[in-house]
């Protein structure tokens, strides 16, 4: 019996030996099927089919006089205020406190449940379920957020219409125009050190980008030898005799150069390198008094010129960097290449802390993360610690919006009426004085003079820009393709052959809303310059 078993076993071994290749194909085939199905599953997650019902589609007529009205008609069920009435705050108690303080807000029309609604201090929203402790139609209890600063307590209502899916597969709520309450002043105490640290970070922290920038070697000698040579590139001199910049304790992080925001660091290998801080891009001149002011975009800055100074940059990339218009950048040309030459405008960085959707593409992002997003993209060791992000938030949130001090008030009052007559509030809602409903309008629908950015492709469009401090942010549109507000609203901009017409990247020119009457257009521009 034992011998028979051995013979049987030997026969099996011999069969396996003679046919092992064929037998091996079976598990390999099964493994291949599993890998293929897994690949298809991953592809379905990363590149989902966007339901047609979730994308607003419409035909825009070729007639430039009808383009704007057609787009507004397509949005007529969306661009209306949330709920039936504004929320009203009657009391806030206490009226001051440090981050973490429990605050009670009483009033009316807050909504029975929080849902998408928000309560904020100086436009810094309390996080639902974390900092918001109670919500009813007449009472809200919340704790002061860690990065809040002194300002008004406000309540905002956001009514959801439906969920929509972006081309990348992110879900986001499609909401009606927000309604906001009156504001009640609240003093946030104990933020002095955060604000001081944030200021030093804004002017002096380079996020170790001199290490990343060592890929394009910009010698210090080129900056220090003759700094005023670079004023023609829009670089801002630190010690301008009329506009001395207060950089706080920036030197605790890096050494200054004669140019605002361009800093010197000892690299990790001991070599001296050039880096740049937030202030390099986000400090500009107030066009009214010419003062160098933190938080406004440096609209004259030719960032590409700095990169083009590099000794080791390939000539093709040098030429591309030299083509960036003033006040724009396109770091995707080298660091995160997307194959498209599309520099975009440097953003306003003060008075905008109420955004739920950040950047011109309308990317949903927590407030503290907005200010460190570029650092996060670089990955370790360049990521900013949370304390750095919080401090930077506090500093920027403490900077009040800019107000134009040289405005014809009577003319601006007439322009306010034109703003209403032209239905500008349809998109530029007066919410919290920011004049944006934060909606993201499909790229081809809103129009553009340049290709979409990677983020615009991911989000599906362009966010309605705020009009707050707009007088200090020329040129206009996300690609700086329109020089002045008057040009933006001039019907000649939409007509081929005119001196201010640019052949658009999309079917029609961007922002197809204009004012035909010259006098009314001039009044509206004055109103916009007053915001």
Protein backbone atom coordinates (compact mmCIF):
# COMPACT_ATOMS: atom_id res chain seq x y z
CA UNK A 1 0.00 0.00 0.00
CA UNK A 2 2.85 2.33 0.93
CA UNK A 3 4.68 1.58 -2.34
CA UNK A 4 1.55 2.31 -4.35
CA UNK A 5 1.21 5.68 -2.61
CA UNK A 6 4.82 6.54 -3.40
CA UNK A 7 4.32 5.65 -7.04
CA UNK A 8 1.23 7.80 -7.18
CA UNK A 9 3.09 10.72 -5.59
CA UNK A 10 6.03 10.31 -8.01
CA UNK A 11 3.62 10.30 -10.93
CA UNK A 12 2.14 13.63 -9.73
CA UNK A 13 5.61 15.16 -9.28
CA UNK A 14 6.58 14.02 -12.79
CA UNK A 15 3.41 15.50 -14.25
CA UNK A 16 4.01 18.81 -12.49
CA UNK A 17 7.62 18.81 -13.68
CA UNK A 18 6.58 18.23 -17.29
CA UNK A 19 3.71 20.75 -17.28
CA UNK A 20 4.76 23.38 -14.69
CA UNK A 21 4.78 26.22 -17.19
CA UNK A 22 1.18 25.55 -18.14
CA UNK A 23 0.07 25.20 -14.54
CA UNK A 24 1.80 28.48 -13.65
CA UNK A 25 -0.21 30.32 -16.29
CA UNK A 26 -3.44 29.73 -14.34
CA UNK A 27 -2.55 31.77 -11.21
CA UNK A 28 -0.74 34.34 -13.37
CA UNK A 29 -3.88 34.74 -15.48
CA UNK A 30 -5.98 35.12 -12.33
CA UNK A 31 -3.50 37.65 -10.95
CA UNK A 32 -3.64 39.55 -14.24
CA UNK A 33 -7.44 39.70 -14.08
CA UNK A 34 -7.29 40.99 -10.49
CA UNK A 35 -4.69 43.66 -11.41
CA UNK A 36 -6.71 44.75 -14.46
CA UNK A 37 -9.95 45.02 -12.47
CA UNK A 38 -8.08 46.91 -9.74
CA UNK A 39 -6.62 49.28 -12.32
CA UNK A 40 -10.08 49.91 -13.77
CA UNK A 41 -11.41 50.57 -10.27
CA UNK A 42 -8.65 53.07 -9.50
CA UNK A 43 -9.22 54.79 -12.84
CA UNK A 44 -12.92 55.03 -12.07
CA UNK A 45 -12.11 56.70 -8.75
CA UNK A 46 -9.50 59.10 -10.15
CA UNK A 47 -11.36 59.90 -13.37
CA UNK A 48 -15.05 59.41 -12.68
CA UNK A 49 -17.66 60.03 -15.35
CA UNK A 50 -19.24 63.32 -14.37
CA UNK A 51 -23.05 63.03 -14.39
CA UNK A 52 -24.42 65.30 -17.10
CA UNK A 53 -27.07 66.58 -14.74
CA UNK A 54 -24.35 68.04 -12.51
CA UNK A 55 -22.77 70.27 -15.15
CA UNK A 56 -24.43 73.52 -16.16
CA UNK A 57 -24.49 73.57 -19.97
CA UNK A 58 -25.83 76.30 -22.21
CA UNK A 59 -25.36 77.79 -25.62
CA UNK A 60 -23.85 81.26 -25.60
CA UNK A 61 -24.85 83.32 -28.66
CA UNK A 62 -22.20 84.77 -30.94
CA UNK A 63 -23.73 88.25 -30.66
CA UNK A 64 -21.60 90.05 -28.06
CA UNK A 65 -24.64 92.08 -26.99
CA UNK A 66 -26.44 88.91 -25.90
CA UNK A 67 -23.61 86.86 -24.34
CA UNK A 68 -23.87 88.23 -20.81
CA UNK A 69 -27.66 88.05 -20.66
CA UNK A 70 -27.61 84.43 -21.87
CA UNK A 71 -25.22 83.41 -19.09
CA UNK A 72 -27.26 85.22 -16.43
CA UNK A 73 -30.43 83.56 -17.68
CA UNK A 74 -28.81 80.16 -17.31
CA UNK A 75 -28.06 81.01 -13.69
CA UNK A 76 -31.36 82.70 -12.84
CA UNK A 77 -32.40 79.90 -10.46
CA UNK A 78 -29.02 79.91 -8.75
CA UNK A 79 -27.98 83.53 -8.37
CA UNK A 80 -30.77 84.45 -5.95
CA UNK A 81 -30.38 85.06 -2.20
CA UNK A 82 -30.50 82.18 0.23
CA UNK A 83 -33.69 81.81 2.27
CA UNK A 84 -36.37 84.46 2.66
CA UNK A 85 -34.76 87.01 4.96
CA UNK A 86 -31.40 88.19 6.25
CA UNK A 87 -30.18 86.81 9.58
CA UNK A 88 -30.24 89.47 12.31
CA UNK A 89 -27.93 89.55 15.34
CA UNK A 90 -29.36 91.32 18.41
CA UNK A 91 -26.62 90.48 20.90
CA UNK A 92 -23.20 88.86 21.26
CA UNK A 93 -21.95 87.81 24.69
CA UNK A 94 -19.21 88.25 25.73
CA UNK A 95 -17.86 90.99 23.45
CA UNK A 96 -14.22 90.00 23.90
CA UNK A 97 -12.16 86.90 24.63
CA UNK A 98 -9.16 84.82 23.64
CA UNK A 99 -9.28 81.91 21.15
CA UNK A 100 -11.36 79.12 22.69
CA UNK A 101 -13.75 81.49 24.46
CA UNK A 102 -17.39 80.34 24.26
CA UNK A 103 -19.53 83.06 22.64
CA UNK A 104 -23.33 83.20 22.53
CA UNK A 105 -25.04 84.93 19.60
CA UNK A 106 -28.76 85.72 19.83
CA UNK A 107 -31.05 87.03 17.12
CA UNK A 108 -33.38 85.73 14.43
CA UNK A 109 -33.45 83.97 11.04
CA UNK A 110 -30.33 81.85 11.71
CA UNK A 111 -32.05 78.68 10.48
CA UNK A 112 -33.24 75.72 12.55
CA UNK A 113 -30.06 73.77 11.71
CA UNK A 114 -26.58 74.87 10.75
CA UNK A 115 -26.24 72.85 7.52
CA UNK A 116 -23.96 75.01 5.32
CA UNK A 117 -24.55 78.20 7.32
CA UNK A 118 -21.65 79.82 9.13
CA UNK A 119 -20.77 82.03 12.09
CA UNK A 120 -17.52 83.96 11.99
CA UNK A 121 -15.30 86.43 13.83
CA UNK A 122 -13.71 88.92 11.45
CA UNK A 123 -14.77 86.54 8.62
CA UNK A 124 -12.90 83.60 10.19
CA UNK A 125 -15.54 80.86 10.35
CA UNK A 126 -16.00 78.56 13.33
CA UNK A 127 -15.69 74.92 12.26
CA UNK A 128 -19.05 73.06 12.33
CA UNK A 129 -19.37 70.38 15.04
CA UNK A 130 -15.93 71.33 16.39
CA UNK A 131 -16.12 75.03 17.29
CA UNK A 132 -19.89 75.45 16.75
CA UNK A 133 -21.52 74.06 19.90
CA UNK A 134 -25.18 74.95 19.33
CA UNK A 135 -27.29 76.24 16.46
CA UNK A 136 -30.96 77.22 16.37
CA UNK A 137 -33.05 79.85 14.62
CA UNK A 138 -32.50 82.34 17.46
CA UNK A 139 -29.31 81.24 19.23
CA UNK A 140 -25.77 80.14 18.29
CA UNK A 141 -22.96 79.11 20.63
CA UNK A 142 -19.41 78.75 19.32
CA UNK A 143 -15.80 78.96 20.45
CA UNK A 144 -13.50 81.61 19.00
CA UNK A 145 -11.28 79.94 16.33
CA UNK A 146 -7.56 79.75 17.02
CA UNK A 147 -6.68 81.99 14.06
CA UNK A 148 -9.44 84.59 14.53
CA UNK A 149 -8.61 88.26 15.02
CA UNK A 150 -10.52 91.31 16.21
CA UNK A 151 -13.52 92.20 14.02
CA UNK A 152 -17.24 91.72 13.62
CA UNK A 153 -19.19 88.60 14.56
CA UNK A 154 -21.40 87.74 11.56
CA UNK A 155 -23.78 84.98 10.51
CA UNK A 156 -24.03 83.85 6.87
CA UNK A 157 -26.75 81.72 5.30
CA UNK A 158 -25.88 79.40 2.40
CA UNK A 159 -28.81 77.47 0.89
CA UNK A 160 -27.83 74.33 -1.03
CA UNK A 161 -29.51 73.62 -4.35
CA UNK A 162 -27.77 70.32 -5.08
CA UNK A 163 -24.40 68.64 -5.04
CA UNK A 164 -22.22 68.90 -8.12
CA UNK A 165 -19.10 67.07 -9.20
CA UNK A 166 -15.98 68.74 -10.52
CA UNK A 167 -14.12 67.27 -13.50
CA UNK A 168 -11.58 65.76 -11.11
CA UNK A 169 -14.36 64.05 -9.18
CA UNK A 170 -14.63 66.27 -6.11
CA UNK A 171 -18.13 66.90 -4.79
CA UNK A 172 -19.08 70.40 -3.76
CA UNK A 173 -22.40 72.05 -2.90
CA UNK A 174 -24.06 74.30 -5.45
CA UNK A 175 -25.58 77.09 -3.36
CA UNK A 176 -27.67 80.20 -3.80
CA UNK A 177 -26.19 83.64 -3.22
CA UNK A 178 -25.41 84.03 0.48
CA UNK A 179 -27.29 86.24 2.91
CA UNK A 180 -25.24 87.83 5.67
CA UNK A 181 -26.21 89.44 8.97
CA UNK A 182 -25.29 92.73 10.51
CA UNK A 183 -21.95 92.72 12.31
CA UNK A 184 -21.32 93.08 16.04
CA UNK A 185 -17.76 94.05 17.12
CA UNK A 186 -15.73 91.45 19.01
CA UNK A 187 -12.21 91.88 20.38
CA UNK A 188 -10.02 88.78 20.15
CA UNK A 189 -7.44 88.99 22.91
CA UNK A 190 -4.15 87.17 23.32
CA UNK A 191 -3.22 87.17 19.63
CA UNK A 192 -0.42 89.71 19.84
CA UNK A 193 2.37 87.12 19.73
CA UNK A 194 0.72 85.24 16.87
CA UNK A 195 0.36 88.44 14.86
CA UNK A 196 3.98 89.45 15.57
CA UNK A 197 5.22 86.00 14.56
CA UNK A 198 3.02 86.03 11.46
CA UNK A 199 4.47 89.36 10.37
CA UNK A 200 8.03 88.04 10.75
CA UNK A 201 7.05 84.95 8.75
CA UNK A 202 5.38 87.01 6.02
CA UNK A 203 8.51 89.10 5.43
CA UNK A 204 11.28 86.69 6.42
CA UNK A 205 10.28 82.99 6.20
CA UNK A 206 11.43 81.41 2.96
CA UNK A 207 10.00 77.92 3.64
CA UNK A 208 13.43 76.62 2.62
CA UNK A 209 12.49 77.53 -0.95
CA UNK A 210 16.09 78.58 -1.52
CA UNK A 211 16.81 74.86 -1.56
CA UNK A 212 14.13 74.23 -4.19
CA UNK A 213 15.23 77.37 -6.00
CA UNK A 214 18.79 76.09 -6.11
CA UNK A 215 17.54 74.11 -9.10
CA UNK A 216 17.67 77.51 -10.79
CA UNK A 217 20.80 79.12 -9.40
CA UNK A 218 20.26 82.85 -8.84
CA UNK A 219 23.58 84.26 -7.58
CA UNK A 220 23.36 86.69 -4.68
CA UNK A 221 25.80 89.00 -6.43
CA UNK A 222 23.25 89.70 -9.15
CA UNK A 223 20.79 91.00 -6.54
CA UNK A 224 23.23 92.86 -4.28
CA UNK A 225 25.47 94.43 -6.91
CA UNK A 226 22.98 97.02 -8.12
CA UNK A 227 19.52 96.47 -6.60
CA UNK A 228 17.98 99.60 -8.12
CA UNK A 229 18.76 98.18 -11.53
CA UNK A 230 15.93 95.74 -10.80
CA UNK A 231 13.36 98.41 -9.98
CA UNK A 232 12.62 98.39 -13.70
CA UNK A 233 11.53 94.79 -13.20
CA UNK A 234 8.96 95.92 -10.67
CA UNK A 235 10.99 94.74 -7.67
CA UNK A 236 10.30 96.89 -4.61
CA UNK A 237 13.29 98.51 -2.85
CA UNK A 238 13.18 97.84 0.91
CA UNK A 239 14.53 101.24 1.88
CA UNK A 240 12.58 103.41 -0.50
CA UNK A 241 12.93 106.88 1.03
CA UNK A 242 9.18 107.47 0.89
CA UNK A 243 7.99 103.94 1.68
CA UNK A 244 10.11 102.30 4.36
CA UNK A 245 8.72 98.81 4.94
CA UNK A 246 8.22 97.65 8.54
CA UNK A 247 9.27 94.00 8.41
CA UNK A 248 8.95 93.34 12.14
CA UNK A 249 11.29 90.55 13.31
CA UNK A 250 11.85 89.09 9.83
CA UNK A 251 15.63 88.83 10.39
CA UNK A 252 15.09 86.02 12.88
CA UNK A 253 14.37 83.84 9.83
CA UNK A 254 16.60 85.19 7.07
CA UNK A 255 18.84 88.05 6.01
CA UNK A 256 17.35 90.84 3.90
CA UNK A 257 18.48 92.00 0.50
CA UNK A 258 17.76 95.46 -0.91
CA UNK A 259 14.55 94.03 -2.43
CA UNK A 260 11.33 93.43 -0.48
CA UNK A 261 10.79 89.69 0.01
CA UNK A 262 14.07 88.52 -1.56
CA UNK A 263 16.01 86.92 1.28
CA UNK A 264 19.41 85.37 1.95
CA UNK A 265 19.78 82.02 3.70
CA UNK A 266 22.64 79.67 4.41
CA UNK A 267 21.69 76.48 2.56
CA UNK A 268 21.69 73.10 4.26
CA UNK A 269 25.04 72.44 2.59
CA UNK A 270 26.51 75.70 3.90
CA UNK A 271 26.30 77.54 0.58
CA UNK A 272 24.68 80.98 0.59
CA UNK A 273 21.48 80.99 -1.43
CA UNK A 274 18.69 83.36 -2.49
CA UNK A 275 15.12 82.64 -1.40
CA UNK A 276 11.93 84.65 -1.27
CA UNK A 277 9.20 85.18 1.33
CA UNK A 278 5.45 85.80 1.00
CA UNK A 279 6.17 89.51 0.85
CA UNK A 280 7.98 89.16 -2.47
CA UNK A 281 4.72 88.62 -4.35
CA UNK A 282 2.14 89.86 -1.85
CA UNK A 283 3.49 93.33 -1.12
CA UNK A 284 2.76 96.08 -3.61
CA UNK A 285 2.34 99.81 -4.05
CA UNK A 286 -1.01 101.40 -3.28
CA UNK A 287 -1.77 103.10 -6.61
CA UNK A 288 -3.30 106.11 -4.83
CA UNK A 289 -0.48 107.15 -2.48
CA UNK A 290 2.36 104.99 -3.88
CA UNK A 291 3.02 103.48 -0.44
CA UNK A 292 4.46 99.96 -0.28
CA UNK A 293 1.72 98.00 1.47
CA UNK A 294 1.67 94.43 2.80
CA UNK A 295 -1.02 92.10 1.50
CA UNK A 296 -1.73 93.64 -1.89
CA UNK A 297 -0.40 91.92 -5.00
CA UNK A 298 2.78 93.29 -6.48
CA UNK A 299 1.18 94.08 -9.82
CA UNK A 300 4.46 95.42 -11.22
CA UNK A 301 6.57 92.47 -10.11
CA UNK A 302 8.22 90.60 -12.97
CA UNK A 303 8.77 87.37 -11.07
CA UNK A 304 9.96 85.68 -14.24
CA UNK A 305 12.83 88.15 -14.49
CA UNK A 306 14.25 86.89 -11.19
CA UNK A 307 14.06 83.29 -12.37
CA UNK A 308 15.54 84.24 -15.74
CA UNK A 309 18.67 85.52 -13.97
CA UNK A 310 19.58 81.94 -13.08
CA UNK A 311 22.89 80.73 -14.42
CA UNK A 312 21.70 77.20 -15.13
CA UNK A 313 18.28 77.74 -16.69
CA UNK A 314 17.79 76.22 -20.16
CA UNK A 315 17.34 78.94 -22.76
CA UNK A 316 13.79 77.87 -23.67
CA UNK A 317 12.71 78.16 -20.04
CA UNK A 318 14.57 81.47 -19.68
CA UNK A 319 12.58 82.90 -22.57
CA UNK A 320 9.33 81.58 -21.13
CA UNK A 321 10.02 83.12 -17.70
CA UNK A 322 10.86 86.43 -19.37
CA UNK A 323 7.43 86.39 -21.05
CA UNK A 324 5.43 86.33 -17.80
CA UNK A 325 3.43 89.55 -17.58
CA UNK A 326 4.02 91.78 -14.54
CA UNK A 327 2.19 90.61 -11.44
CA UNK A 328 1.91 86.97 -12.54
CA UNK A 329 3.72 83.68 -12.14
CA UNK A 330 3.60 80.19 -13.62
CA UNK A 331 5.74 77.86 -11.53
CA UNK A 332 4.28 74.92 -13.45
CA UNK A 333 6.79 75.77 -16.18
CA UNK A 334 9.50 73.91 -14.23
CA UNK A 335 8.58 72.72 -10.76
CA UNK A 336 5.14 71.22 -11.45
CA UNK A 337 5.15 71.11 -15.27
CA UNK A 338 1.73 70.97 -16.91
CA UNK A 339 2.93 71.66 -20.45
CA UNK A 340 0.93 74.89 -20.71
CA UNK A 341 2.25 78.43 -20.63
CA UNK A 342 -0.40 80.22 -18.56
CA UNK A 343 0.93 82.60 -15.89
CA UNK A 344 -1.81 83.79 -13.53
CA UNK A 345 -2.30 86.85 -11.36
CA UNK A 346 -0.83 87.16 -7.89
CA UNK A 347 -3.73 87.27 -5.44
CA UNK A 348 -4.80 89.89 -2.95
CA UNK A 349 -3.82 88.58 0.51
CA UNK A 350 -5.63 90.92 2.91
CA UNK A 351 -9.34 91.24 3.63
CA UNK A 352 -10.10 87.93 1.93
CA UNK A 353 -10.13 85.59 4.93
CA UNK A 354 -13.85 84.86 4.51
CA UNK A 355 -13.35 82.70 1.42
CA UNK A 356 -14.58 79.13 1.43
CA UNK A 357 -13.28 78.67 -2.12
CA UNK A 358 -9.72 79.82 -2.66
CA UNK A 359 -7.75 80.92 -5.73
CA UNK A 360 -9.14 81.96 -9.10
CA UNK A 361 -10.13 78.32 -9.67
CA UNK A 362 -12.40 78.19 -6.61
CA UNK A 363 -10.61 75.38 -4.76
CA UNK A 364 -12.24 74.47 -1.41
CA UNK A 365 -9.60 74.81 1.27
CA UNK A 366 -9.47 75.53 5.04
CA UNK A 367 -8.34 79.05 5.78
CA UNK A 368 -5.09 78.23 7.58
CA UNK A 369 -4.15 75.89 4.74
CA UNK A 370 -4.54 78.59 2.09
CA UNK A 371 -1.55 80.45 3.42
CA UNK A 372 0.64 77.36 3.54
CA UNK A 373 -0.67 75.56 0.47
CA UNK A 374 2.39 76.31 -1.65
CA UNK A 375 4.62 74.97 1.09
CA UNK A 376 2.53 71.82 1.44
CA UNK A 377 2.83 71.17 -2.28
CA UNK A 378 6.61 71.11 -1.96
CA UNK A 379 6.43 68.32 0.62
CA UNK A 380 8.84 67.61 3.46
CA UNK A 381 10.98 69.32 4.65
CA UNK A 382 9.36 72.44 3.18
CA UNK A 383 5.93 71.94 4.77
CA UNK A 384 4.97 74.65 7.23
CA UNK A 385 4.18 73.58 10.79
CA UNK A 386 0.61 74.32 11.84
CA UNK A 387 1.78 77.08 14.19
CA UNK A 388 3.41 78.87 11.25
CA UNK A 389 0.19 78.68 9.23
CA UNK A 390 -1.91 79.87 12.18
CA UNK A 391 0.44 82.79 12.87
CA UNK A 392 0.48 83.84 9.23
CA UNK A 393 -3.34 83.69 9.18
CA UNK A 394 -3.52 85.90 12.26
CA UNK A 395 -1.21 88.50 10.76
CA UNK A 396 -3.01 88.71 7.42
CA UNK A 397 -6.45 88.58 9.05
CA UNK A 398 -5.44 91.55 11.20
CA UNK A 399 -4.79 93.69 8.11
CA UNK A 400 -7.93 95.69 7.26
CA UNK A 401 -9.08 95.93 3.63
CA UNK A 402 -7.67 98.88 1.71
CA UNK A 403 -9.94 101.81 0.99
CA UNK A 404 -9.36 104.29 -1.80
CA UNK A 405 -8.99 107.71 -0.18
CA UNK A 406 -9.39 109.65 -3.43
CA UNK A 407 -12.89 108.90 -4.65
CA UNK A 408 -15.56 111.25 -5.99
CA UNK A 409 -18.34 110.25 -3.58
CA UNK A 410 -21.17 111.77 -5.65
CA UNK A 411 -19.97 109.96 -8.76
CA UNK A 412 -19.53 106.71 -6.80
CA UNK A 413 -23.11 107.02 -5.52
CA UNK A 414 -24.35 107.25 -9.10
CA UNK A 415 -22.18 104.26 -9.94
CA UNK A 416 -23.81 102.23 -7.16
CA UNK A 417 -27.13 102.68 -8.96
CA UNK A 418 -25.56 101.52 -12.23
CA UNK A 419 -24.21 98.47 -10.37
CA UNK A 420 -27.81 97.60 -9.49
CA UNK A 421 -29.29 98.45 -12.89
CA UNK A 422 -26.70 96.25 -14.65
CA UNK A 423 -27.41 93.38 -12.21
CA UNK A 424 -23.72 93.13 -11.27
CA UNK A 425 -24.88 91.87 -7.85
CA UNK A 426 -26.08 88.68 -9.57
CA UNK A 427 -22.53 87.32 -9.26
CA UNK A 428 -20.84 90.00 -7.18
CA UNK A 429 -23.13 89.62 -4.17
CA UNK A 430 -22.70 92.31 -1.52
CA UNK A 431 -22.02 89.53 1.02
CA UNK A 432 -19.91 90.88 3.91
CA UNK A 433 -18.79 93.74 1.69
CA UNK A 434 -16.64 91.39 -0.41
CA UNK A 435 -18.85 91.50 -3.51
CA UNK A 436 -18.57 87.88 -4.53
CA UNK A 437 -20.90 84.91 -4.15
CA UNK A 438 -17.89 82.57 -4.43
CA UNK A 439 -19.59 80.60 -7.23
CA UNK A 440 -17.37 78.81 -9.73
CA UNK A 441 -18.54 79.47 -13.28
CA UNK A 442 -17.54 77.00 -16.03
CA UNK A 443 -14.36 78.11 -17.81
CA UNK A 444 -15.79 78.18 -21.34
CA UNK A 445 -18.89 79.99 -20.10
CA UNK A 446 -17.15 82.86 -18.33
CA UNK A 447 -14.54 83.04 -21.11
CA UNK A 448 -10.79 83.61 -20.99
CA UNK A 449 -7.97 85.19 -22.95
CA UNK A 450 -5.56 82.42 -21.93
CA UNK A 451 -5.56 78.64 -21.37
CA UNK A 452 -6.99 77.26 -18.11
CA UNK A 453 -4.64 76.40 -15.30
CA UNK A 454 -4.36 72.86 -13.98
CA UNK A 455 -6.55 73.84 -11.03
CA UNK A 456 -9.18 75.38 -13.31
CA UNK A 457 -9.34 72.11 -15.20
CA UNK A 458 -9.76 70.27 -11.91
CA UNK A 459 -12.42 72.61 -10.48
CA UNK A 460 -14.22 73.10 -13.77
CA UNK A 461 -14.11 76.87 -13.88
CA UNK A 462 -13.23 80.28 -12.49
CA UNK A 463 -14.47 81.64 -9.17
CA UNK A 464 -16.30 84.96 -9.10
CA UNK A 465 -13.62 87.41 -8.01
CA UNK A 466 -14.16 89.69 -4.99
CA UNK A 467 -14.40 93.41 -5.70
CA UNK A 468 -13.01 94.41 -2.31
CA UNK A 469 -9.95 96.69 -2.71
CA UNK A 470 -10.20 96.14 -6.48
CA UNK A 471 -8.71 99.57 -7.18
CA UNK A 472 -5.36 98.25 -5.91
CA UNK A 473 -5.26 95.05 -7.99
CA UNK A 474 -4.95 96.16 -11.64
CA UNK A 475 -4.51 94.69 -14.25
CA UNK A 476 -7.66 92.57 -14.19
CA UNK A 477 -8.96 89.04 -14.78
CA UNK A 478 -7.07 85.93 -13.68
CA UNK A 479 -4.45 86.37 -16.41
CA UNK A 480 -4.03 90.16 -16.14
CA UNK A 481 -5.21 90.46 -19.73
CA UNK A 482 -7.28 93.65 -19.19
CA UNK A 483 -5.45 96.81 -18.15
CA UNK A 484 -8.14 98.91 -16.45
CA UNK A 485 -11.67 98.68 -15.08
CA UNK A 486 -12.83 101.02 -17.82
CA UNK A 487 -11.41 98.63 -20.44
CA UNK A 488 -13.09 95.69 -18.68
CA UNK A 489 -16.51 97.36 -18.96
CA UNK A 490 -15.98 98.91 -22.41
CA UNK A 491 -18.04 97.17 -25.16
CA UNK A 492 -15.13 97.74 -27.57
CA UNK A 493 -13.24 95.00 -25.70
CA UNK A 494 -15.68 92.44 -27.13
CA UNK A 495 -15.40 93.62 -30.74
CA UNK A 496 -12.70 92.24 -33.08
CA UNK A 497 -10.65 95.02 -34.60
CA UNK A 498 -10.86 97.43 -31.66
CA UNK A 499 -7.69 98.63 -29.95
CA UNK A 500 -8.52 96.80 -26.69
CA UNK A 501 -9.80 93.55 -28.20
CA UNK A 502 -7.71 90.43 -27.64
CA UNK A 503 -8.41 87.20 -29.47
CA UNK A 504 -9.81 84.98 -26.73
CA UNK A 505 -8.74 81.45 -25.93
CA UNK A 506 -12.41 80.50 -25.54
CA UNK A 507 -15.26 80.93 -28.02
CA UNK A 508 -16.05 84.39 -26.69
CA UNK A 509 -14.08 87.05 -24.77
CA UNK A 510 -13.93 86.82 -20.97
CA UNK A 511 -16.45 88.54 -18.71
CA UNK A 512 -18.94 89.46 -21.47
CA UNK A 513 -20.69 92.12 -19.37
CA UNK A 514 -20.13 95.73 -20.39
CA UNK A 515 -21.76 99.17 -20.05
CA UNK A 516 -22.68 100.87 -23.32
CA UNK A 517 -23.20 104.39 -21.96
CA UNK A 518 -19.85 106.17 -21.43
CA UNK A 519 -21.06 108.33 -18.53
CA UNK A 520 -22.65 105.39 -16.70
CA UNK A 521 -19.54 103.30 -17.25
CA UNK A 522 -17.40 106.07 -15.76
CA UNK A 523 -19.70 106.27 -12.72
CA UNK A 524 -19.60 102.49 -12.23
CA UNK A 525 -15.80 102.48 -12.38
CA UNK A 526 -15.73 105.16 -9.67
CA UNK A 527 -18.05 103.04 -7.50
CA UNK A 528 -15.85 99.98 -7.97
CA UNK A 529 -12.79 102.04 -7.07
CA UNK A 530 -14.50 102.99 -3.81
CA UNK A 531 -14.96 99.40 -2.59
